[in-house]
Amino acid sequence: MIRTIRISGFGGQGVMLTGQLLAHAATRQGLYSLWVPTYGPETRGGTANCAITISDSPIHSPVFKLSDDLLVFNEPSLNKFGERVNPEGNLFYNSSLIKRDVQVEGVNCHGIPMNDIAGALDTPQVANMVMLGAYLETVGIFREDVILDALTYFLGARKQHMLKINQEAMRRGREALKD
């Protein structure tokens, strides 16, 4: 098993954290993982994307052209990576910011209103967790306890008070996918 994932959006949208969570969770489940970040010239507001490779055997290269799964948080990311998904792969897009219907031939496209859902929680910074919840519901690779352990690790002691709202955001992302 090998799975390639790309996550892309504006800096400050939680792109890197989402990728790190997936790579860390894979490692905690006994899988191999690589996380490769790419930043634009600015951190907040600039472009950011990361590539994650997860496998049950050693990974020999972090480079891939087409991803099995693509999570895009904004329109520029969709324009850049939207056609770079393997057939039968998954494309998750932020339908709060991308108002058009997204269709890519042979790809399962899922519009998730991540900003709207996070706004309804009065915590806009958890929008990435909404998208993560939808993604986790679809791929079924990760155990929930492992994801929560990884989230606890990355929040650290200083942000432990954010754990419950992040969990709720992921739950709502799962629900949004089902609707």
C-alpha atoms as a PDB file:
ATOM      1  CA  MET A   1       0.000   0.000   0.000  1.00  0.00           C
ATOM      2  CA  ILE A   2       1.224   3.448  -0.901  1.00  0.00           C
ATOM      3  CA  ARG A   3      -0.869   6.624  -0.711  1.00  0.00           C
ATOM      4  CA  THR A   4       0.134  10.063  -1.921  1.00  0.00           C
ATOM      5  CA  ILE A   5      -1.591  13.148  -0.559  1.00  0.00           C
ATOM      6  CA  ARG A   6      -1.202  16.835  -1.418  1.00  0.00           C
ATOM      7  CA  ILE A   7      -2.653  19.620   0.719  1.00  0.00           C
ATOM      8  CA  SER A   8      -2.615  23.190  -0.548  1.00  0.00           C
ATOM      9  CA  GLY A   9      -3.942  26.614   0.415  1.00  0.00           C
ATOM     10  CA  PHE A  10      -2.969  30.018   1.718  1.00  0.00           C
ATOM     11  CA  GLY A  11      -0.399  30.290   4.479  1.00  0.00           C
ATOM     12  CA  GLY A  12      -2.210  30.427   7.797  1.00  0.00           C
ATOM     13  CA  GLN A  13      -4.994  28.014   6.792  1.00  0.00           C
ATOM     14  CA  GLY A  14      -3.415  25.061   8.574  1.00  0.00           C
ATOM     15  CA  VAL A  15      -2.060  23.337   5.464  1.00  0.00           C
ATOM     16  CA  MET A  16       1.213  22.306   7.096  1.00  0.00           C
ATOM     17  CA  LEU A  17      -0.350  21.210  10.371  1.00  0.00           C
ATOM     18  CA  THR A  18      -2.848  19.019   8.525  1.00  0.00           C
ATOM     19  CA  GLY A  19      -0.050  17.339   6.581  1.00  0.00           C
ATOM     20  CA  GLN A  20       2.091  16.880   9.666  1.00  0.00           C
ATOM     21  CA  LEU A  21      -0.833  15.304  11.509  1.00  0.00           C
ATOM     22  CA  LEU A  22      -1.338  12.752   8.745  1.00  0.00           C
ATOM     23  CA  ALA A  23       2.359  11.868   8.533  1.00  0.00           C
ATOM     24  CA  HIS A  24       2.695  11.639  12.308  1.00  0.00           C
ATOM     25  CA  ALA A  25      -0.456   9.505  12.627  1.00  0.00           C
ATOM     26  CA  ALA A  26       0.810   7.139   9.928  1.00  0.00           C
ATOM     27  CA  THR A  27       4.060   6.669  11.818  1.00  0.00           C
ATOM     28  CA  ARG A  28       2.167   6.011  15.062  1.00  0.00           C
ATOM     29  CA  GLN A  29       0.195   3.314  13.248  1.00  0.00           C
ATOM     30  CA  GLY A  30       3.391   1.562  12.219  1.00  0.00           C
ATOM     31  CA  LEU A  31       3.439   2.865   8.642  1.00  0.00           C
ATOM     32  CA  TYR A  32       6.191   4.727   6.845  1.00  0.00           C
ATOM     33  CA  SER A  33       5.560   8.369   6.042  1.00  0.00           C
ATOM     34  CA  LEU A  34       7.190  11.384   4.468  1.00  0.00           C
ATOM     35  CA  TRP A  35       6.025  14.985   4.773  1.00  0.00           C
ATOM     36  CA  VAL A  36       7.513  17.572   2.390  1.00  0.00           C
ATOM     37  CA  PRO A  37       6.459  21.224   2.884  1.00  0.00           C
ATOM     38  CA  THR A  38       6.604  23.937   0.204  1.00  0.00           C
ATOM     39  CA  TYR A  39       6.080  27.586   1.092  1.00  0.00           C
ATOM     40  CA  GLY A  40       5.514  30.663  -1.051  1.00  0.00           C
ATOM     41  CA  PRO A  41       7.419  33.889  -0.376  1.00  0.00           C
ATOM     42  CA  GLU A  42       5.128  34.850   2.517  1.00  0.00           C
ATOM     43  CA  THR A  43       4.041  32.617   5.364  1.00  0.00           C
ATOM     44  CA  ARG A  44       0.611  34.053   6.158  1.00  0.00           C
ATOM     45  CA  GLY A  45      -1.412  34.832   3.059  1.00  0.00           C
ATOM     46  CA  GLY A  46       1.136  33.377   0.625  1.00  0.00           C
ATOM     47  CA  THR A  47       0.758  29.981  -0.963  1.00  0.00           C
ATOM     48  CA  ALA A  48       1.673  26.819   0.868  1.00  0.00           C
ATOM     49  CA  ASN A  49       1.406  23.151   0.027  1.00  0.00           C
ATOM     50  CA  CYS A  50       2.761  19.921   1.332  1.00  0.00           C
ATOM     51  CA  ALA A  51       3.151  16.430  -0.023  1.00  0.00           C
ATOM     52  CA  ILE A  52       2.633  13.399   2.185  1.00  0.00           C
ATOM     53  CA  THR A  53       3.474   9.842   1.238  1.00  0.00           C
ATOM     54  CA  ILE A  54       2.248   6.976   3.395  1.00  0.00           C
ATOM     55  CA  SER A  55       3.240   3.359   2.815  1.00  0.00           C
ATOM     56  CA  ASP A  56       3.475  -0.002   4.494  1.00  0.00           C
ATOM     57  CA  SER A  57       7.001  -0.398   3.093  1.00  0.00           C
ATOM     58  CA  PRO A  58       9.996   1.961   2.943  1.00  0.00           C
ATOM     59  CA  ILE A  59       9.474   5.041   0.762  1.00  0.00           C
ATOM     60  CA  HIS A  60      12.312   5.661  -1.677  1.00  0.00           C
ATOM     61  CA  SER A  61      11.316   9.076  -3.004  1.00  0.00           C
ATOM     62  CA  PRO A  62       9.110  11.892  -1.724  1.00  0.00           C
ATOM     63  CA  VAL A  63       8.392  13.066  -5.275  1.00  0.00           C
ATOM     64  CA  PHE A  64       5.127  12.374  -7.072  1.00  0.00           C
ATOM     65  CA  LYS A  65       3.355  14.063  -9.960  1.00  0.00           C
ATOM     66  CA  LEU A  66      -0.193  12.855  -9.354  1.00  0.00           C
ATOM     67  CA  SER A  67      -1.652  12.419  -5.889  1.00  0.00           C
ATOM     68  CA  ASP A  68      -4.179   9.859  -4.742  1.00  0.00           C
ATOM     69  CA  ASP A  69      -5.812  12.527  -2.604  1.00  0.00           C
ATOM     70  CA  LEU A  70      -5.846  16.300  -2.948  1.00  0.00           C
ATOM     71  CA  LEU A  71      -7.141  18.702  -0.304  1.00  0.00           C
ATOM     72  CA  VAL A  72      -7.377  22.296  -1.570  1.00  0.00           C
ATOM     73  CA  PHE A  73      -8.307  25.148   0.720  1.00  0.00           C
ATOM     74  CA  ASN A  74      -8.546  27.924  -1.924  1.00  0.00           C
ATOM     75  CA  GLU A  75      -9.133  28.623  -5.632  1.00  0.00           C
ATOM     76  CA  PRO A  76      -5.455  29.196  -6.621  1.00  0.00           C
ATOM     77  CA  SER A  77      -4.592  25.767  -5.176  1.00  0.00           C
ATOM     78  CA  LEU A  78      -7.408  24.152  -7.141  1.00  0.00           C
ATOM     79  CA  ASN A  79      -6.195  25.842 -10.307  1.00  0.00           C
ATOM     80  CA  LYS A  80      -2.631  24.653  -9.725  1.00  0.00           C
ATOM     81  CA  PHE A  81      -3.227  21.068  -8.565  1.00  0.00           C
ATOM     82  CA  GLY A  82      -6.808  20.195  -9.550  1.00  0.00           C
ATOM     83  CA  GLU A  83      -5.823  18.201 -12.629  1.00  0.00           C
ATOM     84  CA  ARG A  84      -3.018  16.385 -10.828  1.00  0.00           C
ATOM     85  CA  VAL A  85      -5.040  13.656  -9.122  1.00  0.00           C
ATOM     86  CA  ASN A  86      -4.857   9.966 -10.010  1.00  0.00           C
ATOM     87  CA  PRO A  87      -7.924   8.441 -11.664  1.00  0.00           C
ATOM     88  CA  GLU A  88     -10.308   7.167  -8.964  1.00  0.00           C
ATOM     89  CA  GLY A  89      -8.542   9.512  -6.528  1.00  0.00           C
ATOM     90  CA  ASN A  90     -10.195  12.044  -4.245  1.00  0.00           C
ATOM     91  CA  LEU A  91     -10.307  15.820  -4.536  1.00  0.00           C
ATOM     92  CA  PHE A  92     -11.602  17.708  -1.494  1.00  0.00           C
ATOM     93  CA  TYR A  93     -12.162  21.419  -2.017  1.00  0.00           C
ATOM     94  CA  ASN A  94     -13.228  24.284   0.211  1.00  0.00           C
ATOM     95  CA  SER A  95     -16.685  25.113  -1.106  1.00  0.00           C
ATOM     96  CA  SER A  96     -16.797  28.139   1.216  1.00  0.00           C
ATOM     97  CA  LEU A  97     -14.224  29.841  -1.032  1.00  0.00           C
ATOM     98  CA  ILE A  98     -14.577  27.882  -4.284  1.00  0.00           C
ATOM     99  CA  LYS A  99     -18.104  28.687  -5.380  1.00  0.00           C
ATOM    100  CA  ARG A 100     -18.157  26.766  -8.663  1.00  0.00           C
ATOM    101  CA  ASP A 101     -19.049  23.112  -9.039  1.00  0.00           C
ATOM    102  CA  VAL A 102     -15.788  21.201  -9.332  1.00  0.00           C
ATOM    103  CA  GLN A 103     -15.703  18.168 -11.600  1.00  0.00           C
ATOM    104  CA  VAL A 104     -12.566  16.346 -12.702  1.00  0.00           C
ATOM    105  CA  GLU A 105     -13.091  13.362 -14.957  1.00  0.00           C
ATOM    106  CA  GLY A 106     -12.459  10.071 -13.164  1.00  0.00           C
ATOM    107  CA  VAL A 107     -11.890  11.761  -9.782  1.00  0.00           C
ATOM    108  CA  ASN A 108     -14.203  11.747  -6.772  1.00  0.00           C
ATOM    109  CA  CYS A 109     -14.787  15.435  -5.980  1.00  0.00           C
ATOM    110  CA  HIS A 110     -16.064  16.528  -2.564  1.00  0.00           C
ATOM    111  CA  GLY A 111     -17.021  20.123  -1.760  1.00  0.00           C
ATOM    112  CA  ILE A 112     -16.661  20.780   1.960  1.00  0.00           C
ATOM    113  CA  PRO A 113     -17.727  24.208   3.320  1.00  0.00           C
ATOM    114  CA  MET A 114     -14.853  24.212   5.777  1.00  0.00           C
ATOM    115  CA  ASN A 115     -14.832  27.967   6.489  1.00  0.00           C
ATOM    116  CA  ASP A 116     -18.605  28.087   6.971  1.00  0.00           C
ATOM    117  CA  ILE A 117     -18.574  25.155   9.382  1.00  0.00           C
ATOM    118  CA  ALA A 118     -15.643  26.554  11.361  1.00  0.00           C
ATOM    119  CA  GLY A 119     -17.395  29.932  11.462  1.00  0.00           C
ATOM    120  CA  ALA A 120     -20.525  28.271  12.851  1.00  0.00           C
ATOM    121  CA  LEU A 121     -18.281  26.940  15.640  1.00  0.00           C
ATOM    122  CA  ASP A 122     -17.069  30.525  16.278  1.00  0.00           C
ATOM    123  CA  THR A 123     -13.526  29.253  15.733  1.00  0.00           C
ATOM    124  CA  PRO A 124     -12.344  29.984  12.168  1.00  0.00           C
ATOM    125  CA  GLN A 125      -8.898  28.540  12.852  1.00  0.00           C
ATOM    126  CA  VAL A 126     -10.310  24.977  12.943  1.00  0.00           C
ATOM    127  CA  ALA A 127     -11.390  25.031   9.278  1.00  0.00           C
ATOM    128  CA  ASN A 128      -8.536  22.677   8.382  1.00  0.00           C
ATOM    129  CA  MET A 129      -9.844  20.157  10.929  1.00  0.00           C
ATOM    130  CA  VAL A 130     -13.247  20.260   9.226  1.00  0.00           C
ATOM    131  CA  MET A 131     -11.554  19.259   5.969  1.00  0.00           C
ATOM    132  CA  LEU A 132      -9.460  16.658   7.767  1.00  0.00           C
ATOM    133  CA  GLY A 133     -12.596  15.083   9.225  1.00  0.00           C
ATOM    134  CA  ALA A 134     -14.150  14.752   5.755  1.00  0.00           C
ATOM    135  CA  TYR A 135     -10.912  13.288   4.426  1.00  0.00           C
ATOM    136  CA  LEU A 136     -10.591  10.758   7.254  1.00  0.00           C
ATOM    137  CA  GLU A 137     -14.193   9.645   6.737  1.00  0.00           C
ATOM    138  CA  THR A 138     -13.453   8.906   3.078  1.00  0.00           C
ATOM    139  CA  VAL A 139     -10.105   7.135   3.163  1.00  0.00           C
ATOM    140  CA  GLY A 140     -10.469   5.042   6.307  1.00  0.00           C
ATOM    141  CA  ILE A 141      -6.722   4.594   6.775  1.00  0.00           C
ATOM    142  CA  PHE A 142      -6.328   6.095  10.215  1.00  0.00           C
ATOM    143  CA  ARG A 143      -7.693   5.026  13.572  1.00  0.00           C
ATOM    144  CA  GLU A 144      -9.409   7.881  15.375  1.00  0.00           C
ATOM    145  CA  ASP A 145      -7.386   7.398  18.568  1.00  0.00           C
ATOM    146  CA  VAL A 146      -4.168   7.787  16.582  1.00  0.00           C
ATOM    147  CA  ILE A 147      -5.386  11.007  14.956  1.00  0.00           C
ATOM    148  CA  LEU A 148      -6.351  12.375  18.370  1.00  0.00           C
ATOM    149  CA  ASP A 149      -2.959  11.401  19.812  1.00  0.00           C
ATOM    150  CA  ALA A 150      -1.243  13.199  16.925  1.00  0.00           C
ATOM    151  CA  LEU A 151      -3.451  16.261  17.381  1.00  0.00           C
ATOM    152  CA  THR A 152      -2.699  16.304  21.115  1.00  0.00           C
ATOM    153  CA  TYR A 153       1.005  16.113  20.325  1.00  0.00           C
ATOM    154  CA  PHE A 154       0.922  19.022  17.858  1.00  0.00           C
ATOM    155  CA  LEU A 155      -1.277  21.228  20.044  1.00  0.00           C
ATOM    156  CA  GLY A 156       1.157  20.819  22.913  1.00  0.00           C
ATOM    157  CA  ALA A 157       0.449  21.820  26.493  1.00  0.00           C
ATOM    158  CA  ARG A 158      -0.082  25.467  25.551  1.00  0.00           C
ATOM    159  CA  LYS A 159      -3.025  24.743  23.232  1.00  0.00           C
ATOM    160  CA  GLN A 160      -4.620  21.737  24.942  1.00  0.00           C
ATOM    161  CA  HIS A 161      -7.747  23.829  25.490  1.00  0.00           C
ATOM    162  CA  MET A 162      -8.257  23.674  21.681  1.00  0.00           C
ATOM    163  CA  LEU A 163      -8.503  19.857  21.582  1.00  0.00           C
ATOM    164  CA  LYS A 164     -12.283  19.604  22.039  1.00  0.00           C
ATOM    165  CA  ILE A 165     -13.111  22.238  19.404  1.00  0.00           C
ATOM    166  CA  ASN A 166     -10.750  20.530  16.946  1.00  0.00           C
ATOM    167  CA  GLN A 167     -12.479  17.204  17.616  1.00  0.00           C
ATOM    168  CA  GLU A 168     -15.869  18.835  17.031  1.00  0.00           C
ATOM    169  CA  ALA A 169     -14.605  20.372  13.788  1.00  0.00           C
ATOM    170  CA  MET A 170     -13.478  16.952  12.554  1.00  0.00           C
ATOM    171  CA  ARG A 171     -16.849  15.450  13.516  1.00  0.00           C
ATOM    172  CA  ARG A 172     -18.665  18.161  11.572  1.00  0.00           C
ATOM    173  CA  GLY A 173     -16.401  17.568   8.585  1.00  0.00           C
ATOM    174  CA  ARG A 174     -17.383  13.902   8.618  1.00  0.00           C
ATOM    175  CA  GLU A 175     -21.058  14.913   8.751  1.00  0.00           C
ATOM    176  CA  ALA A 176     -20.628  17.410   5.901  1.00  0.00           C
ATOM    177  CA  LEU A 177     -19.263  14.644   3.714  1.00  0.00           C
ATOM    178  CA  LYS A 178     -22.286  12.478   4.411  1.00  0.00           C
ATOM    179  CA  ASP A 179     -24.764  15.288   3.587  1.00  0.00           C
END
